[in-house]
Structures are given as structure tokens and as C-alpha cells.
Amino acid sequence: MTGRNGYAVFFFPQALEALGDAIKPYIQDSPVVGPHVACDEVDTAGALIEMTLKGRMPTGEEVDLELMVPASMVRMIVSRQSGGMFGFGPRSYEAAAPLPMLPMVGPSAPPAEAPAQAVPESADAGSPGVEDVPAGDAGGKPAP
């Protein structure tokens, strides 16, 4: 998939089987990524995926082809941009400035080995979950 910009359109195996010999001239089979259609433009608006490809007639003249398939046949579309950076953020090839160091925790912080204080111990706080069952509920609720 390297070498030129555009898109690689991958199909479901059942779609390739259903399209049969009609799709075979447009499929490029790569041992790395598998069978796909390499195209210059893709339009995904509507029920059909429209792919624009460069083709060559048997006479040698170049033509622009439009290949349209139902959107339900397409598994994935991958952009084949060969240059630039990938992801979100400013597009710059310069090295990013180092991140500032976070401030040190002050001397009043407990040591890492200290027990957590987020949840109090239930027995000390008089939690209803650890107290004795009230005398009136000894038998529990009656069965329905």
C-alpha cells in the first residue's frame, strides 16, 4: 500500500464472493494487508460507496473509472497518505519541547506505605452492617 496517496478499500469476504469476476480486475492482493481496491477518491455519501480509480484501456490510453458498490459490502477504508504525521495535534516536524516537571508532593503528605484513609473501618464507626441484628428481625422476612 505504499507509493502513492489515496485510499485502500477492504471488502467482506462474502462481498468479494458475491461480486465474483466483476471485481477481480480492480483487486490488488497484498501479502501484508490482503485483498483491497486502491483508489484515488472515495465518496461514502449514500447507499453506494463510489471509488475513483486510474485505469488503462487495452489501447494504452488512461481513463478515470468510477467503481460503485453497496456500502454494506465494505469492511474498512484506509487512507494511504505517504507523508506527514499521523494523529491529532499541530503538524510540525520539529521536536516537541520537553514537558514541565510536576511539583513535588509537600512534606505533609502521608508516606506511600501508610494505609488509605478514604474508607473508615466499619467496626470503629458503628456501621449497621457489623452491628447485631435487632431483636424484632430475628426470624427475617416471612416467605411469600
C-alpha atoms as a PDB file:
ATOM      1  CA  MET A   1       0.000   0.000   0.000  1.00  0.00           C
ATOM      2  CA  THR A   2       2.972   2.313  -0.196  1.00  0.00           C
ATOM      3  CA  GLY A   3       3.986   4.538  -3.047  1.00  0.00           C
ATOM      4  CA  ARG A   4       1.076   6.876  -3.728  1.00  0.00           C
ATOM      5  CA  ASN A   5      -1.641   8.748  -1.904  1.00  0.00           C
ATOM      6  CA  GLY A   6      -5.242   7.629  -1.967  1.00  0.00           C
ATOM      7  CA  TYR A   7      -7.371   5.035  -0.228  1.00  0.00           C
ATOM      8  CA  ALA A   8      -7.436   1.291   0.221  1.00  0.00           C
ATOM      9  CA  VAL A   9     -10.966  -0.141   0.349  1.00  0.00           C
ATOM     10  CA  PHE A  10     -11.323  -3.540   2.018  1.00  0.00           C
ATOM     11  CA  PHE A  11     -14.345  -5.764   1.422  1.00  0.00           C
ATOM     12  CA  PHE A  12     -16.006  -8.501   3.439  1.00  0.00           C
ATOM     13  CA  PRO A  13     -15.084 -11.980   2.116  1.00  0.00           C
ATOM     14  CA  GLN A  14     -18.758 -12.647   1.293  1.00  0.00           C
ATOM     15  CA  ALA A  15     -18.832  -9.426  -0.761  1.00  0.00           C
ATOM     16  CA  LEU A  16     -15.817 -10.483  -2.831  1.00  0.00           C
ATOM     17  CA  GLU A  17     -17.512 -13.815  -3.426  1.00  0.00           C
ATOM     18  CA  ALA A  18     -20.808 -12.157  -4.409  1.00  0.00           C
ATOM     19  CA  LEU A  19     -19.110  -9.684  -6.779  1.00  0.00           C
ATOM     20  CA  GLY A  20     -17.141 -12.532  -8.347  1.00  0.00           C
ATOM     21  CA  ASP A  21     -15.264 -11.939 -11.585  1.00  0.00           C
ATOM     22  CA  ALA A  22     -16.612  -8.386 -11.960  1.00  0.00           C
ATOM     23  CA  ILE A  23     -14.415  -7.054  -9.105  1.00  0.00           C
ATOM     24  CA  LYS A  24     -11.276  -9.125  -9.829  1.00  0.00           C
ATOM     25  CA  PRO A  25      -9.642  -6.680 -12.299  1.00  0.00           C
ATOM     26  CA  TYR A  26      -9.727  -3.945  -9.625  1.00  0.00           C
ATOM     27  CA  ILE A  27      -8.495  -6.000  -6.638  1.00  0.00           C
ATOM     28  CA  GLN A  28      -4.888  -5.744  -5.523  1.00  0.00           C
ATOM     29  CA  ASP A  29      -3.843  -8.653  -3.355  1.00  0.00           C
ATOM     30  CA  SER A  30      -1.081  -7.797  -0.901  1.00  0.00           C
ATOM     31  CA  PRO A  31       0.523 -10.479   1.286  1.00  0.00           C
ATOM     32  CA  VAL A  32       0.727  -7.939   4.112  1.00  0.00           C
ATOM     33  CA  VAL A  33      -2.756  -6.385   4.161  1.00  0.00           C
ATOM     34  CA  GLY A  34      -4.813  -8.711   1.965  1.00  0.00           C
ATOM     35  CA  PRO A  35      -7.102  -8.027  -0.990  1.00  0.00           C
ATOM     36  CA  HIS A  36      -8.218  -4.423  -1.444  1.00  0.00           C
ATOM     37  CA  VAL A  37      -9.108  -1.846  -4.083  1.00  0.00           C
ATOM     38  CA  ALA A  38      -6.598   1.002  -4.335  1.00  0.00           C
ATOM     39  CA  CYS A  39      -8.352   4.204  -5.372  1.00  0.00           C
ATOM     40  CA  ASP A  40      -7.698   7.936  -5.563  1.00  0.00           C
ATOM     41  CA  GLU A  41     -11.009   9.191  -4.160  1.00  0.00           C
ATOM     42  CA  VAL A  42     -13.845   7.703  -2.105  1.00  0.00           C
ATOM     43  CA  ASP A  43     -17.365   9.079  -1.687  1.00  0.00           C
ATOM     44  CA  THR A  44     -19.289   7.447   1.164  1.00  0.00           C
ATOM     45  CA  ALA A  45     -22.471   9.535   0.917  1.00  0.00           C
ATOM     46  CA  GLY A  46     -25.469   7.415   0.067  1.00  0.00           C
ATOM     47  CA  ALA A  47     -26.160   3.706  -0.210  1.00  0.00           C
ATOM     48  CA  LEU A  48     -23.264   3.153  -2.632  1.00  0.00           C
ATOM     49  CA  ILE A  49     -19.549   3.670  -1.963  1.00  0.00           C
ATOM     50  CA  GLU A  50     -18.113   5.445  -5.016  1.00  0.00           C
ATOM     51  CA  MET A  51     -14.428   4.862  -5.727  1.00  0.00           C
ATOM     52  CA  THR A  52     -12.488   6.792  -8.386  1.00  0.00           C
ATOM     53  CA  LEU A  53      -9.579   4.838  -9.890  1.00  0.00           C
ATOM     54  CA  LYS A  54      -6.980   5.414 -12.568  1.00  0.00           C
ATOM     55  CA  GLY A  55      -7.207   2.780 -15.278  1.00  0.00           C
ATOM     56  CA  ARG A  56      -5.688   1.913 -18.619  1.00  0.00           C
ATOM     57  CA  MET A  57      -7.618   0.791 -21.697  1.00  0.00           C
ATOM     58  CA  PRO A  58      -6.313  -2.114 -23.794  1.00  0.00           C
ATOM     59  CA  THR A  59      -5.237   0.534 -26.331  1.00  0.00           C
ATOM     60  CA  GLY A  60      -2.976   2.117 -23.691  1.00  0.00           C
ATOM     61  CA  GLU A  61      -4.928   5.299 -23.042  1.00  0.00           C
ATOM     62  CA  GLU A  62      -5.506   6.277 -19.392  1.00  0.00           C
ATOM     63  CA  VAL A  63      -9.047   6.658 -18.083  1.00  0.00           C
ATOM     64  CA  ASP A  64     -10.712   7.595 -14.799  1.00  0.00           C
ATOM     65  CA  LEU A  65     -13.002   4.827 -13.586  1.00  0.00           C
ATOM     66  CA  GLU A  66     -15.817   5.058 -11.068  1.00  0.00           C
ATOM     67  CA  LEU A  67     -16.498   1.838  -9.230  1.00  0.00           C
ATOM     68  CA  MET A  68     -19.652   1.745  -7.096  1.00  0.00           C
ATOM     69  CA  VAL A  69     -20.541  -0.981  -4.613  1.00  0.00           C
ATOM     70  CA  PRO A  70     -23.165  -1.214  -1.857  1.00  0.00           C
ATOM     71  CA  ALA A  71     -21.915   0.271   1.414  1.00  0.00           C
ATOM     72  CA  SER A  72     -22.788  -2.956   3.247  1.00  0.00           C
ATOM     73  CA  MET A  73     -20.038  -4.774   1.314  1.00  0.00           C
ATOM     74  CA  VAL A  74     -17.217  -2.531   2.568  1.00  0.00           C
ATOM     75  CA  ARG A  75     -15.413  -3.635   5.720  1.00  0.00           C
ATOM     76  CA  MET A  76     -12.974  -0.732   6.077  1.00  0.00           C
ATOM     77  CA  ILE A  77     -11.468   2.231   4.203  1.00  0.00           C
ATOM     78  CA  VAL A  78      -7.870   3.204   4.951  1.00  0.00           C
ATOM     79  CA  SER A  79      -6.172   6.438   3.917  1.00  0.00           C
ATOM     80  CA  ARG A  80      -2.854   5.810   2.139  1.00  0.00           C
ATOM     81  CA  GLN A  81      -1.219   9.191   2.709  1.00  0.00           C
ATOM     82  CA  SER A  82       2.520   8.727   2.373  1.00  0.00           C
ATOM     83  CA  GLY A  83       3.758  11.909   4.044  1.00  0.00           C
ATOM     84  CA  GLY A  84       3.163  13.907   7.170  1.00  0.00           C
ATOM     85  CA  MET A  85       2.427  12.992  10.723  1.00  0.00           C
ATOM     86  CA  PHE A  86      -0.478  10.896  11.985  1.00  0.00           C
ATOM     87  CA  GLY A  87      -2.865  11.839  14.785  1.00  0.00           C
ATOM     88  CA  PHE A  88      -4.314  14.947  16.360  1.00  0.00           C
ATOM     89  CA  GLY A  89      -2.210  17.979  17.139  1.00  0.00           C
ATOM     90  CA  PRO A  90      -0.123  20.611  15.438  1.00  0.00           C
ATOM     91  CA  ARG A  91       1.564  19.467  12.235  1.00  0.00           C
ATOM     92  CA  SER A  92       5.204  20.195  12.894  1.00  0.00           C
ATOM     93  CA  TYR A  93       8.320  18.184  12.183  1.00  0.00           C
ATOM     94  CA  GLU A  94      10.316  19.944  14.883  1.00  0.00           C
ATOM     95  CA  ALA A  95      10.982  18.137  18.143  1.00  0.00           C
ATOM     96  CA  ALA A  96       8.416  18.928  20.797  1.00  0.00           C
ATOM     97  CA  ALA A  97       9.538  20.874  23.852  1.00  0.00           C
ATOM     98  CA  PRO A  98      10.068  18.719  26.945  1.00  0.00           C
ATOM     99  CA  LEU A  99       7.141  18.581  29.308  1.00  0.00           C
ATOM    100  CA  PRO A 100       7.495  20.588  32.543  1.00  0.00           C
ATOM    101  CA  MET A 101       8.196  18.620  35.706  1.00  0.00           C
ATOM    102  CA  LEU A 102       5.284  18.186  38.103  1.00  0.00           C
ATOM    103  CA  PRO A 103       5.711  19.778  41.546  1.00  0.00           C
ATOM    104  CA  MET A 104       6.916  17.542  44.346  1.00  0.00           C
ATOM    105  CA  VAL A 105       4.414  16.480  46.987  1.00  0.00           C
ATOM    106  CA  GLY A 106       4.802  18.520  50.173  1.00  0.00           C
ATOM    107  CA  PRO A 107       6.116  17.158  53.494  1.00  0.00           C
ATOM    108  CA  SER A 108       2.597  16.888  54.938  1.00  0.00           C
ATOM    109  CA  ALA A 109       1.640  14.011  52.633  1.00  0.00           C
ATOM    110  CA  PRO A 110       1.497  10.526  54.243  1.00  0.00           C
ATOM    111  CA  PRO A 111       4.104   8.004  53.112  1.00  0.00           C
ATOM    112  CA  ALA A 112       3.141   5.585  50.314  1.00  0.00           C
ATOM    113  CA  GLU A 113       3.109   2.644  52.744  1.00  0.00           C
ATOM    114  CA  ALA A 114       0.510   4.280  55.026  1.00  0.00           C
ATOM    115  CA  PRO A 115      -2.999   2.745  54.985  1.00  0.00           C
ATOM    116  CA  ALA A 116      -5.573   4.540  52.883  1.00  0.00           C
ATOM    117  CA  GLN A 117      -7.899   6.918  54.753  1.00  0.00           C
ATOM    118  CA  ALA A 118     -10.605   7.013  52.092  1.00  0.00           C
ATOM    119  CA  VAL A 119     -12.815   4.363  53.751  1.00  0.00           C
ATOM    120  CA  PRO A 120     -13.137   4.250  57.563  1.00  0.00           C
ATOM    121  CA  GLU A 121     -13.092   0.922  59.333  1.00  0.00           C
ATOM    122  CA  SER A 122     -16.682  -0.274  59.850  1.00  0.00           C
ATOM    123  CA  ALA A 123     -16.251  -1.673  63.372  1.00  0.00           C
ATOM    124  CA  ASP A 124     -14.925   1.641  64.717  1.00  0.00           C
ATOM    125  CA  ALA A 125     -17.660   3.765  63.159  1.00  0.00           C
ATOM    126  CA  GLY A 126     -20.598   1.692  64.351  1.00  0.00           C
ATOM    127  CA  SER A 127     -21.743   0.683  60.890  1.00  0.00           C
ATOM    128  CA  PRO A 128     -25.129  -1.073  60.701  1.00  0.00           C
ATOM    129  CA  GLY A 129     -23.533  -3.787  58.574  1.00  0.00           C
ATOM    130  CA  VAL A 130     -21.482  -5.094  61.506  1.00  0.00           C
ATOM    131  CA  GLU A 131     -23.859  -4.418  64.395  1.00  0.00           C
ATOM    132  CA  ASP A 132     -26.105  -7.118  65.851  1.00  0.00           C
ATOM    133  CA  VAL A 133     -29.463  -7.797  64.209  1.00  0.00           C
ATOM    134  CA  PRO A 134     -32.328  -6.023  66.071  1.00  0.00           C
ATOM    135  CA  ALA A 135     -34.382  -8.342  68.292  1.00  0.00           C
ATOM    136  CA  GLY A 136     -37.577  -7.980  66.233  1.00  0.00           C
ATOM    137  CA  ASP A 137     -35.939  -9.205  62.993  1.00  0.00           C
ATOM    138  CA  ALA A 138     -34.503 -12.460  64.319  1.00  0.00           C
ATOM    139  CA  GLY A 139     -36.715 -14.555  62.070  1.00  0.00           C
ATOM    140  CA  GLY A 140     -36.226 -12.454  58.971  1.00  0.00           C
ATOM    141  CA  LYS A 141     -38.988 -11.769  56.476  1.00  0.00           C
ATOM    142  CA  PRO A 142     -41.736 -14.348  56.003  1.00  0.00           C
ATOM    143  CA  ALA A 143     -41.652 -16.385  52.814  1.00  0.00           C
ATOM    144  CA  PRO A 144     -44.174 -15.275  50.167  1.00  0.00           C
END
